[in-house]
Amino acid sequence: MKSLLFGLLNLCLLASIVHGDEPTARFVTTIEIPRLNVSEYHRPYVAAWIQDQDKQAVANVAVWYQMKDSAEGVGTKWLPDLRQWWRRSGRSLQMPVDGVSGATRPAGTHTVALSSDDPRLVKLAPGKYNLIVEAAREVGGRELLEIPFTWPADQNKTLRAAGKEELGEITLTIQP
C-alpha cells in the first residue's frame, strides 16, 4: 500500500511538471533498480547526490537503506558500503535525514523530484556539477554512475547513464 501511495504521489508530481502546475519540479531523477535472478537477493542501498567539479558533495538527493533493525543489526551499519557517498557526505550526516533518506526500494524505476524552491537547489551556484548515483548490495556488487550537468539549465534537458549490474538506467531531467 505504501509503495502504491508513493507511486501515485510521484505520478501527480510528474503530471504537474507536464501541465505547468506549481510547484514546478526543476530536477527530476529516475533510478532504475534491475530485477536480478540470484539465489540470495537483498535490496540495494542507494545514494544519489550532487557534487561540484572539485568532487565535493553539495547536496544529497536520496539515500535508501534498511530503516529497521534486524537480526543482523541496525541498517545504518552498512551505509559505509556506499563508499563514495560515505566519503563525500555520509559520514557527516545523522541518519535519518528528513526529505532525503528512506527505506530501500524494490526492483523497478523510482523517481525523486525536487521543486524549484527546494533548499538543495536554491543553494546551488551556477556552474558545472555531477549527479552521482551509487548502489551497493549485500551478497552482490557495487556500482556508481555519474551524469554531468550545468546548473541552471537554459532549456529542458534529459540526461542519461546506464548501469550494468546493480543499477539500470538513470535519468536526470532539468528544467530552466
N, C-alpha and C. Protein backbone atom coordinates (compact mmCIF):
# COMPACT_ATOMS: atom_id res chain seq x y z
N MET A 1 0.82 -1.20 0.00
CA MET A 1 0.00 0.00 0.00
C MET A 1 0.86 1.26 0.00
N LYS A 2 1.93 1.22 0.82
CA LYS A 2 2.81 2.38 0.92
C LYS A 2 3.47 2.67 -0.43
N SER A 3 3.93 1.61 -1.13
CA SER A 3 4.58 1.84 -2.43
C SER A 3 3.58 2.33 -3.47
N LEU A 4 2.32 1.89 -3.37
CA LEU A 4 1.29 2.37 -4.28
C LEU A 4 1.06 3.86 -4.06
N LEU A 5 0.96 4.27 -2.81
CA LEU A 5 0.78 5.68 -2.49
C LEU A 5 1.98 6.50 -2.97
N PHE A 6 3.21 5.99 -2.73
CA PHE A 6 4.42 6.67 -3.19
C PHE A 6 4.39 6.83 -4.70
N GLY A 7 4.00 5.78 -5.41
CA GLY A 7 3.92 5.84 -6.87
C GLY A 7 2.91 6.86 -7.35
N LEU A 8 1.74 6.91 -6.68
CA LEU A 8 0.72 7.89 -7.06
C LEU A 8 1.19 9.32 -6.82
N LEU A 9 1.88 9.53 -5.71
CA LEU A 9 2.41 10.87 -5.44
C LEU A 9 3.42 11.29 -6.51
N ASN A 10 4.28 10.35 -6.91
CA ASN A 10 5.24 10.66 -7.97
C ASN A 10 4.54 10.96 -9.28
N LEU A 11 3.48 10.21 -9.61
CA LEU A 11 2.73 10.48 -10.83
C LEU A 11 2.10 11.86 -10.80
N CYS A 12 1.55 12.23 -9.64
CA CYS A 12 0.95 13.56 -9.52
C CYS A 12 2.01 14.65 -9.70
N LEU A 13 3.19 14.43 -9.12
CA LEU A 13 4.25 15.41 -9.26
C LEU A 13 4.71 15.51 -10.71
N LEU A 14 4.86 14.36 -11.37
CA LEU A 14 5.26 14.39 -12.78
C LEU A 14 4.18 15.03 -13.65
N ALA A 15 2.90 14.81 -13.32
CA ALA A 15 1.82 15.44 -14.06
C ALA A 15 1.88 16.95 -13.91
N SER A 16 2.26 17.42 -12.71
CA SER A 16 2.36 18.87 -12.52
C SER A 16 3.49 19.45 -13.36
N ILE A 17 4.54 18.66 -13.60
CA ILE A 17 5.64 19.11 -14.46
C ILE A 17 5.11 19.31 -15.88
N VAL A 18 4.38 18.31 -16.36
CA VAL A 18 3.87 18.35 -17.73
C VAL A 18 2.86 19.47 -17.93
N HIS A 19 2.00 19.68 -16.94
CA HIS A 19 0.92 20.67 -17.08
C HIS A 19 1.28 22.05 -16.58
N GLY A 20 2.46 22.20 -16.00
CA GLY A 20 2.90 23.53 -15.58
C GLY A 20 2.29 24.00 -14.28
N ASP A 21 1.72 23.11 -13.46
CA ASP A 21 1.17 23.50 -12.17
C ASP A 21 2.32 23.82 -11.21
N GLU A 22 2.03 24.65 -10.21
CA GLU A 22 3.04 24.96 -9.20
C GLU A 22 2.96 23.94 -8.09
N PRO A 23 4.00 23.57 -7.40
CA PRO A 23 5.36 23.98 -7.68
C PRO A 23 5.95 23.21 -8.84
N THR A 24 6.84 23.85 -9.56
CA THR A 24 7.46 23.23 -10.71
C THR A 24 8.66 22.40 -10.26
N ALA A 25 8.69 21.16 -10.67
CA ALA A 25 9.86 20.33 -10.40
C ALA A 25 10.93 20.72 -11.41
N ARG A 26 12.07 21.09 -10.92
CA ARG A 26 13.15 21.52 -11.80
C ARG A 26 14.21 20.47 -11.96
N PHE A 27 14.21 19.47 -11.10
CA PHE A 27 15.28 18.49 -11.06
C PHE A 27 14.63 17.14 -10.76
N VAL A 28 14.48 16.32 -11.79
CA VAL A 28 13.80 15.04 -11.63
C VAL A 28 14.77 13.92 -11.99
N THR A 29 14.99 13.03 -11.04
CA THR A 29 15.89 11.90 -11.23
C THR A 29 15.08 10.62 -11.19
N THR A 30 15.30 9.73 -12.15
CA THR A 30 14.72 8.40 -12.08
C THR A 30 15.87 7.41 -11.94
N ILE A 31 15.67 6.48 -11.03
CA ILE A 31 16.69 5.48 -10.73
C ILE A 31 16.05 4.11 -10.93
N GLU A 32 16.62 3.35 -11.85
CA GLU A 32 16.11 2.01 -12.09
C GLU A 32 16.95 0.99 -11.31
N ILE A 33 16.25 0.19 -10.52
CA ILE A 33 16.88 -0.93 -9.83
C ILE A 33 16.46 -2.18 -10.59
N PRO A 34 17.41 -2.85 -11.23
CA PRO A 34 17.04 -4.00 -12.06
C PRO A 34 16.64 -5.22 -11.22
N ARG A 35 15.81 -6.05 -11.81
CA ARG A 35 15.43 -7.31 -11.19
C ARG A 35 16.55 -8.30 -11.48
N LEU A 36 17.14 -8.85 -10.44
CA LEU A 36 18.26 -9.77 -10.60
C LEU A 36 17.80 -11.19 -10.29
N ASN A 37 18.25 -12.14 -11.07
CA ASN A 37 17.91 -13.54 -10.86
C ASN A 37 19.08 -14.20 -10.12
N VAL A 38 19.07 -14.05 -8.80
CA VAL A 38 20.12 -14.62 -7.95
C VAL A 38 19.47 -15.39 -6.81
N SER A 39 20.20 -16.32 -6.23
CA SER A 39 19.62 -17.16 -5.19
C SER A 39 19.37 -16.40 -3.89
N GLU A 40 20.25 -15.49 -3.53
CA GLU A 40 20.07 -14.72 -2.30
C GLU A 40 20.02 -13.23 -2.66
N TYR A 41 18.81 -12.70 -2.77
CA TYR A 41 18.65 -11.32 -3.21
C TYR A 41 18.40 -10.41 -2.01
N HIS A 42 19.11 -9.32 -1.98
CA HIS A 42 18.90 -8.26 -0.99
C HIS A 42 18.72 -6.96 -1.76
N ARG A 43 17.77 -6.15 -1.33
CA ARG A 43 17.60 -4.85 -1.97
C ARG A 43 18.86 -4.02 -1.77
N PRO A 44 19.25 -3.27 -2.80
CA PRO A 44 20.48 -2.48 -2.66
C PRO A 44 20.27 -1.23 -1.81
N TYR A 45 21.34 -0.80 -1.17
CA TYR A 45 21.40 0.52 -0.59
C TYR A 45 21.74 1.43 -1.76
N VAL A 46 21.10 2.59 -1.82
CA VAL A 46 21.33 3.53 -2.93
C VAL A 46 21.49 4.93 -2.37
N ALA A 47 22.47 5.65 -2.89
CA ALA A 47 22.64 7.06 -2.55
C ALA A 47 22.75 7.85 -3.85
N ALA A 48 22.10 9.01 -3.88
CA ALA A 48 22.20 9.93 -5.02
C ALA A 48 22.54 11.30 -4.45
N TRP A 49 23.54 11.93 -5.03
CA TRP A 49 23.94 13.24 -4.55
C TRP A 49 24.51 14.07 -5.69
N ILE A 50 24.63 15.36 -5.42
CA ILE A 50 25.19 16.30 -6.39
C ILE A 50 26.57 16.68 -5.87
N GLN A 51 27.55 16.61 -6.77
CA GLN A 51 28.88 17.07 -6.37
C GLN A 51 29.40 18.09 -7.38
N ASP A 52 30.23 18.98 -6.88
CA ASP A 52 30.79 20.03 -7.74
C ASP A 52 32.01 19.51 -8.49
N GLN A 53 32.65 20.39 -9.24
CA GLN A 53 33.80 19.99 -10.06
C GLN A 53 35.02 19.61 -9.21
N ASP A 54 35.02 20.00 -7.94
CA ASP A 54 36.10 19.62 -7.03
C ASP A 54 35.80 18.32 -6.30
N LYS A 55 34.75 17.62 -6.75
CA LYS A 55 34.30 16.34 -6.18
C LYS A 55 33.83 16.47 -4.73
N GLN A 56 33.33 17.66 -4.39
CA GLN A 56 32.76 17.89 -3.07
C GLN A 56 31.25 17.74 -3.15
N ALA A 57 30.67 16.99 -2.23
CA ALA A 57 29.22 16.84 -2.20
C ALA A 57 28.59 18.17 -1.79
N VAL A 58 27.65 18.65 -2.60
CA VAL A 58 26.99 19.90 -2.29
C VAL A 58 25.52 19.71 -1.93
N ALA A 59 24.95 18.54 -2.25
CA ALA A 59 23.56 18.26 -1.90
C ALA A 59 23.30 16.75 -1.98
N ASN A 60 22.60 16.24 -0.98
CA ASN A 60 22.14 14.86 -1.02
C ASN A 60 20.74 14.83 -1.61
N VAL A 61 20.54 14.00 -2.61
CA VAL A 61 19.24 13.89 -3.27
C VAL A 61 18.41 12.79 -2.62
N ALA A 62 19.02 11.60 -2.41
CA ALA A 62 18.31 10.48 -1.81
C ALA A 62 19.30 9.49 -1.22
N VAL A 63 18.91 8.86 -0.13
CA VAL A 63 19.66 7.76 0.47
C VAL A 63 18.65 6.72 0.89
N TRP A 64 18.72 5.54 0.28
CA TRP A 64 17.78 4.45 0.59
C TRP A 64 18.55 3.33 1.26
N TYR A 65 18.12 2.98 2.46
CA TYR A 65 18.80 1.95 3.23
C TYR A 65 17.79 1.22 4.11
N GLN A 66 18.24 0.16 4.76
CA GLN A 66 17.37 -0.62 5.65
C GLN A 66 17.07 0.23 6.88
N MET A 67 15.83 0.61 7.02
CA MET A 67 15.44 1.52 8.08
C MET A 67 15.20 0.82 9.42
N LYS A 68 14.83 -0.45 9.36
CA LYS A 68 14.51 -1.19 10.59
C LYS A 68 15.69 -2.02 11.04
N ASP A 69 15.76 -2.22 12.35
CA ASP A 69 16.76 -3.14 12.89
C ASP A 69 16.36 -4.56 12.53
N SER A 70 17.35 -5.41 12.36
CA SER A 70 17.09 -6.82 12.07
C SER A 70 18.01 -7.67 12.94
N ALA A 71 17.92 -8.97 12.75
CA ALA A 71 18.80 -9.87 13.49
C ALA A 71 20.27 -9.61 13.16
N GLU A 72 20.50 -9.01 11.99
CA GLU A 72 21.87 -8.71 11.56
C GLU A 72 22.37 -7.37 12.09
N GLY A 73 21.49 -6.60 12.72
CA GLY A 73 21.91 -5.33 13.28
C GLY A 73 21.14 -4.16 12.71
N VAL A 74 21.60 -2.98 13.03
CA VAL A 74 20.99 -1.73 12.58
C VAL A 74 21.37 -1.48 11.12
N GLY A 75 20.40 -1.03 10.31
CA GLY A 75 20.65 -0.81 8.90
C GLY A 75 21.73 0.22 8.60
N THR A 76 21.91 1.20 9.48
CA THR A 76 22.93 2.21 9.24
C THR A 76 24.34 1.63 9.30
N LYS A 77 24.46 0.45 9.87
CA LYS A 77 25.77 -0.20 9.98
C LYS A 77 26.43 -0.40 8.62
N TRP A 78 25.62 -0.59 7.56
CA TRP A 78 26.17 -0.88 6.24
C TRP A 78 26.18 0.33 5.31
N LEU A 79 25.82 1.50 5.81
CA LEU A 79 25.90 2.70 4.96
C LEU A 79 27.32 2.96 4.44
N PRO A 80 28.37 2.66 5.19
CA PRO A 80 29.72 2.86 4.63
C PRO A 80 30.02 2.00 3.39
N ASP A 81 29.18 0.99 3.12
CA ASP A 81 29.35 0.20 1.89
C ASP A 81 29.09 1.05 0.65
N LEU A 82 28.37 2.15 0.81
CA LEU A 82 28.22 3.13 -0.28
C LEU A 82 29.47 4.02 -0.19
N ARG A 83 30.57 3.49 -0.64
CA ARG A 83 31.90 4.04 -0.34
C ARG A 83 32.10 5.48 -0.75
N GLN A 84 31.76 5.82 -1.99
CA GLN A 84 31.99 7.20 -2.44
C GLN A 84 31.08 8.17 -1.70
N TRP A 85 29.80 7.81 -1.59
CA TRP A 85 28.88 8.69 -0.86
C TRP A 85 29.32 8.85 0.58
N TRP A 86 29.73 7.75 1.21
CA TRP A 86 30.14 7.80 2.61
C TRP A 86 31.33 8.76 2.79
N ARG A 87 32.29 8.68 1.89
CA ARG A 87 33.47 9.54 1.99
C ARG A 87 33.15 11.00 1.71
N ARG A 88 32.25 11.25 0.76
CA ARG A 88 31.95 12.62 0.35
C ARG A 88 30.95 13.31 1.29
N SER A 89 30.01 12.54 1.86
CA SER A 89 28.93 13.18 2.59
C SER A 89 28.39 12.37 3.77
N GLY A 90 28.25 11.07 3.58
CA GLY A 90 27.52 10.23 4.52
C GLY A 90 28.02 10.22 5.94
N ARG A 91 29.32 10.17 6.12
CA ARG A 91 29.81 10.05 7.49
C ARG A 91 29.57 11.29 8.33
N SER A 92 29.26 12.41 7.70
CA SER A 92 28.98 13.64 8.44
C SER A 92 27.49 13.83 8.72
N LEU A 93 26.66 12.90 8.27
CA LEU A 93 25.21 13.03 8.46
C LEU A 93 24.72 12.22 9.65
N GLN A 94 23.67 12.69 10.28
CA GLN A 94 22.97 11.95 11.32
C GLN A 94 21.72 11.39 10.68
N MET A 95 21.68 10.07 10.50
CA MET A 95 20.55 9.43 9.82
C MET A 95 19.43 9.19 10.80
N PRO A 96 18.18 9.23 10.37
CA PRO A 96 17.69 9.56 9.04
C PRO A 96 17.71 11.07 8.79
N VAL A 97 17.72 11.43 7.50
CA VAL A 97 17.71 12.83 7.09
C VAL A 97 16.34 13.11 6.48
N ASP A 98 15.60 14.02 7.08
CA ASP A 98 14.25 14.33 6.62
C ASP A 98 14.25 14.78 5.17
N GLY A 99 13.41 14.15 4.35
CA GLY A 99 13.28 14.50 2.95
C GLY A 99 14.35 13.91 2.06
N VAL A 100 15.33 13.20 2.63
CA VAL A 100 16.41 12.62 1.85
C VAL A 100 16.45 11.11 2.00
N SER A 101 16.45 10.63 3.23
CA SER A 101 16.60 9.19 3.46
C SER A 101 15.26 8.49 3.49
N GLY A 102 15.32 7.20 3.16
CA GLY A 102 14.13 6.38 3.17
C GLY A 102 14.51 4.91 3.06
N ALA A 103 13.51 4.08 3.07
CA ALA A 103 13.73 2.64 3.00
C ALA A 103 14.22 2.21 1.63
N THR A 104 14.91 1.06 1.60
CA THR A 104 15.36 0.51 0.33
C THR A 104 14.16 0.32 -0.59
N ARG A 105 14.42 0.33 -1.87
CA ARG A 105 13.36 0.21 -2.87
C ARG A 105 13.45 -1.15 -3.57
N PRO A 106 12.31 -1.68 -4.00
CA PRO A 106 12.32 -2.94 -4.75
C PRO A 106 12.76 -2.69 -6.19
N ALA A 107 12.92 -3.78 -6.94
CA ALA A 107 13.25 -3.65 -8.36
C ALA A 107 12.18 -2.81 -9.04
N GLY A 108 12.61 -1.95 -9.96
CA GLY A 108 11.69 -1.07 -10.67
C GLY A 108 12.32 0.30 -10.84
N THR A 109 11.54 1.23 -11.36
CA THR A 109 12.01 2.59 -11.59
C THR A 109 11.40 3.50 -10.54
N HIS A 110 12.24 4.30 -9.91
CA HIS A 110 11.82 5.17 -8.81
C HIS A 110 12.21 6.61 -9.14
N THR A 111 11.33 7.54 -8.80
CA THR A 111 11.51 8.94 -9.15
C THR A 111 11.73 9.80 -7.91
N VAL A 112 12.69 10.70 -8.01
CA VAL A 112 12.91 11.71 -6.99
C VAL A 112 12.82 13.05 -7.70
N ALA A 113 11.86 13.88 -7.30
CA ALA A 113 11.66 15.17 -7.94
C ALA A 113 11.85 16.28 -6.92
N LEU A 114 12.69 17.25 -7.27
CA LEU A 114 12.93 18.40 -6.41
C LEU A 114 12.30 19.63 -7.05
N SER A 115 11.52 20.35 -6.27
CA SER A 115 10.85 21.53 -6.80
C SER A 115 11.80 22.72 -6.83
N SER A 116 11.37 23.76 -7.50
CA SER A 116 12.22 24.94 -7.68
C SER A 116 12.59 25.62 -6.36
N ASP A 117 11.77 25.43 -5.33
CA ASP A 117 12.08 26.06 -4.05
C ASP A 117 12.75 25.12 -3.05
N ASP A 118 13.17 23.94 -3.50
CA ASP A 118 13.86 23.00 -2.62
C ASP A 118 15.20 23.61 -2.19
N PRO A 119 15.52 23.59 -0.90
CA PRO A 119 16.78 24.20 -0.42
C PRO A 119 18.02 23.62 -1.09
N ARG A 120 17.96 22.36 -1.51
CA ARG A 120 19.13 21.76 -2.17
C ARG A 120 19.40 22.40 -3.52
N LEU A 121 18.37 22.89 -4.18
CA LEU A 121 18.55 23.57 -5.48
C LEU A 121 18.81 25.05 -5.30
N VAL A 122 18.13 25.67 -4.35
CA VAL A 122 18.26 27.11 -4.12
C VAL A 122 19.71 27.48 -3.82
N LYS A 123 20.41 26.62 -3.08
CA LYS A 123 21.78 26.95 -2.69
C LYS A 123 22.83 26.62 -3.76
N LEU A 124 22.42 26.00 -4.88
CA LEU A 124 23.39 25.68 -5.94
C LEU A 124 23.77 26.94 -6.71
N ALA A 125 25.05 27.26 -6.72
CA ALA A 125 25.54 28.38 -7.51
C ALA A 125 25.60 27.95 -8.98
N PRO A 126 25.47 28.87 -9.91
CA PRO A 126 25.60 28.49 -11.32
C PRO A 126 26.96 27.83 -11.56
N GLY A 127 26.94 26.76 -12.34
CA GLY A 127 28.19 26.07 -12.63
C GLY A 127 27.97 24.65 -13.10
N LYS A 128 29.08 23.90 -13.17
CA LYS A 128 29.04 22.52 -13.62
C LYS A 128 29.05 21.58 -12.43
N TYR A 129 28.20 20.57 -12.50
CA TYR A 129 28.04 19.61 -11.41
C TYR A 129 27.92 18.20 -11.99
N ASN A 130 27.92 17.22 -11.11
CA ASN A 130 27.65 15.84 -11.47
C ASN A 130 26.58 15.29 -10.53
N LEU A 131 25.60 14.60 -11.10
CA LEU A 131 24.70 13.79 -10.29
C LEU A 131 25.37 12.44 -10.18
N ILE A 132 25.57 11.97 -8.96
CA ILE A 132 26.21 10.68 -8.72
C ILE A 132 25.15 9.77 -8.09
N VAL A 133 25.04 8.56 -8.62
CA VAL A 133 24.16 7.54 -8.04
C VAL A 133 25.02 6.32 -7.77
N GLU A 134 24.99 5.86 -6.52
CA GLU A 134 25.79 4.71 -6.12
C GLU A 134 24.88 3.67 -5.49
N ALA A 135 25.11 2.41 -5.82
CA ALA A 135 24.34 1.31 -5.24
C ALA A 135 25.29 0.24 -4.74
N ALA A 136 24.95 -0.36 -3.61
CA ALA A 136 25.72 -1.48 -3.06
C ALA A 136 24.71 -2.47 -2.49
N ARG A 137 24.99 -3.75 -2.73
CA ARG A 137 24.04 -4.78 -2.29
C ARG A 137 24.79 -5.89 -1.58
N GLU A 138 24.22 -6.31 -0.42
CA GLU A 138 24.78 -7.43 0.32
C GLU A 138 24.74 -8.67 -0.56
N VAL A 139 25.81 -9.43 -0.54
CA VAL A 139 25.97 -10.62 -1.38
C VAL A 139 25.78 -10.22 -2.85
N GLY A 140 26.23 -9.04 -3.17
CA GLY A 140 26.10 -8.54 -4.53
C GLY A 140 27.25 -7.62 -4.86
N GLY A 141 27.02 -6.75 -5.78
CA GLY A 141 28.07 -5.86 -6.23
C GLY A 141 27.86 -4.43 -5.81
N ARG A 142 28.64 -3.58 -6.43
CA ARG A 142 28.61 -2.15 -6.17
C ARG A 142 28.71 -1.47 -7.53
N GLU A 143 27.99 -0.38 -7.69
CA GLU A 143 28.05 0.34 -8.96
C GLU A 143 27.85 1.82 -8.71
N LEU A 144 28.55 2.63 -9.50
CA LEU A 144 28.47 4.08 -9.38
C LEU A 144 28.34 4.68 -10.78
N LEU A 145 27.36 5.56 -10.95
CA LEU A 145 27.14 6.23 -12.23
C LEU A 145 27.19 7.75 -12.02
N GLU A 146 27.68 8.45 -13.03
CA GLU A 146 27.76 9.92 -12.98
C GLU A 146 27.06 10.51 -14.19
N ILE A 147 26.33 11.58 -13.95
CA ILE A 147 25.72 12.34 -15.04
C ILE A 147 26.15 13.80 -14.87
N PRO A 148 27.01 14.31 -15.77
CA PRO A 148 27.41 15.71 -15.69
C PRO A 148 26.27 16.62 -16.16
N PHE A 149 26.11 17.76 -15.50
CA PHE A 149 25.10 18.73 -15.91
C PHE A 149 25.54 20.13 -15.53
N THR A 150 24.92 21.11 -16.16
CA THR A 150 25.18 22.52 -15.86
C THR A 150 23.95 23.09 -15.17
N TRP A 151 24.19 23.85 -14.11
CA TRP A 151 23.11 24.47 -13.35
C TRP A 151 23.26 25.97 -13.36
N PRO A 152 22.23 26.73 -13.60
CA PRO A 152 20.90 26.29 -14.01
C PRO A 152 20.87 25.95 -15.49
N ALA A 153 19.88 25.20 -15.88
CA ALA A 153 19.74 24.82 -17.29
C ALA A 153 19.15 25.99 -18.07
N ASP A 154 19.55 26.13 -19.31
CA ASP A 154 18.99 27.18 -20.15
C ASP A 154 17.80 26.68 -20.97
N GLN A 155 17.63 25.37 -21.02
CA GLN A 155 16.49 24.74 -21.69
C GLN A 155 16.22 23.39 -21.04
N ASN A 156 15.06 22.80 -21.31
CA ASN A 156 14.76 21.48 -20.77
C ASN A 156 15.79 20.48 -21.27
N LYS A 157 16.35 19.70 -20.38
CA LYS A 157 17.35 18.70 -20.75
C LYS A 157 17.06 17.41 -20.02
N THR A 158 17.22 16.30 -20.73
CA THR A 158 17.15 14.98 -20.11
C THR A 158 18.46 14.28 -20.43
N LEU A 159 19.16 13.90 -19.38
CA LEU A 159 20.46 13.25 -19.49
C LEU A 159 20.35 11.84 -18.95
N ARG A 160 21.17 10.92 -19.48
CA ARG A 160 21.05 9.51 -19.10
C ARG A 160 22.42 8.87 -18.84
N ALA A 161 22.37 7.84 -18.00
CA ALA A 161 23.52 6.95 -17.81
C ALA A 161 22.93 5.56 -17.60
N ALA A 162 23.65 4.55 -18.07
CA ALA A 162 23.15 3.18 -17.96
C ALA A 162 24.09 2.34 -17.12
N GLY A 163 23.51 1.67 -16.13
CA GLY A 163 24.28 0.76 -15.31
C GLY A 163 24.38 -0.61 -15.96
N LYS A 164 25.20 -1.45 -15.36
CA LYS A 164 25.41 -2.78 -15.92
C LYS A 164 24.93 -3.90 -15.01
N GLU A 165 24.94 -3.68 -13.69
CA GLU A 165 24.56 -4.75 -12.77
C GLU A 165 23.60 -4.28 -11.69
N GLU A 166 24.08 -3.46 -10.79
CA GLU A 166 23.28 -3.06 -9.63
C GLU A 166 22.32 -1.92 -9.95
N LEU A 167 22.59 -1.18 -11.01
CA LEU A 167 21.73 -0.08 -11.42
C LEU A 167 21.34 -0.28 -12.88
N GLY A 168 20.13 0.15 -13.22
CA GLY A 168 19.69 0.16 -14.61
C GLY A 168 19.91 1.54 -15.17
N GLU A 169 18.90 2.07 -15.88
CA GLU A 169 19.03 3.41 -16.44
C GLU A 169 18.75 4.47 -15.39
N ILE A 170 19.61 5.47 -15.39
CA ILE A 170 19.45 6.64 -14.52
C ILE A 170 19.18 7.82 -15.46
N THR A 171 18.14 8.59 -15.16
CA THR A 171 17.88 9.79 -15.96
C THR A 171 17.83 11.01 -15.05
N LEU A 172 18.21 12.12 -15.61
CA LEU A 172 18.12 13.41 -14.93
C LEU A 172 17.46 14.37 -15.89
N THR A 173 16.31 14.91 -15.49
CA THR A 173 15.62 15.92 -16.28
C THR A 173 15.69 17.24 -15.53
N ILE A 174 16.21 18.25 -16.19
CA ILE A 174 16.36 19.57 -15.58
C ILE A 174 15.57 20.58 -16.40
N GLN A 175 14.83 21.42 -15.69
CA GLN A 175 14.07 22.49 -16.35
C GLN A 175 14.65 23.84 -15.95
N PRO A 176 14.61 24.80 -16.87
CA PRO A 176 15.11 26.14 -16.52
C PRO A 176 14.20 26.84 -15.52
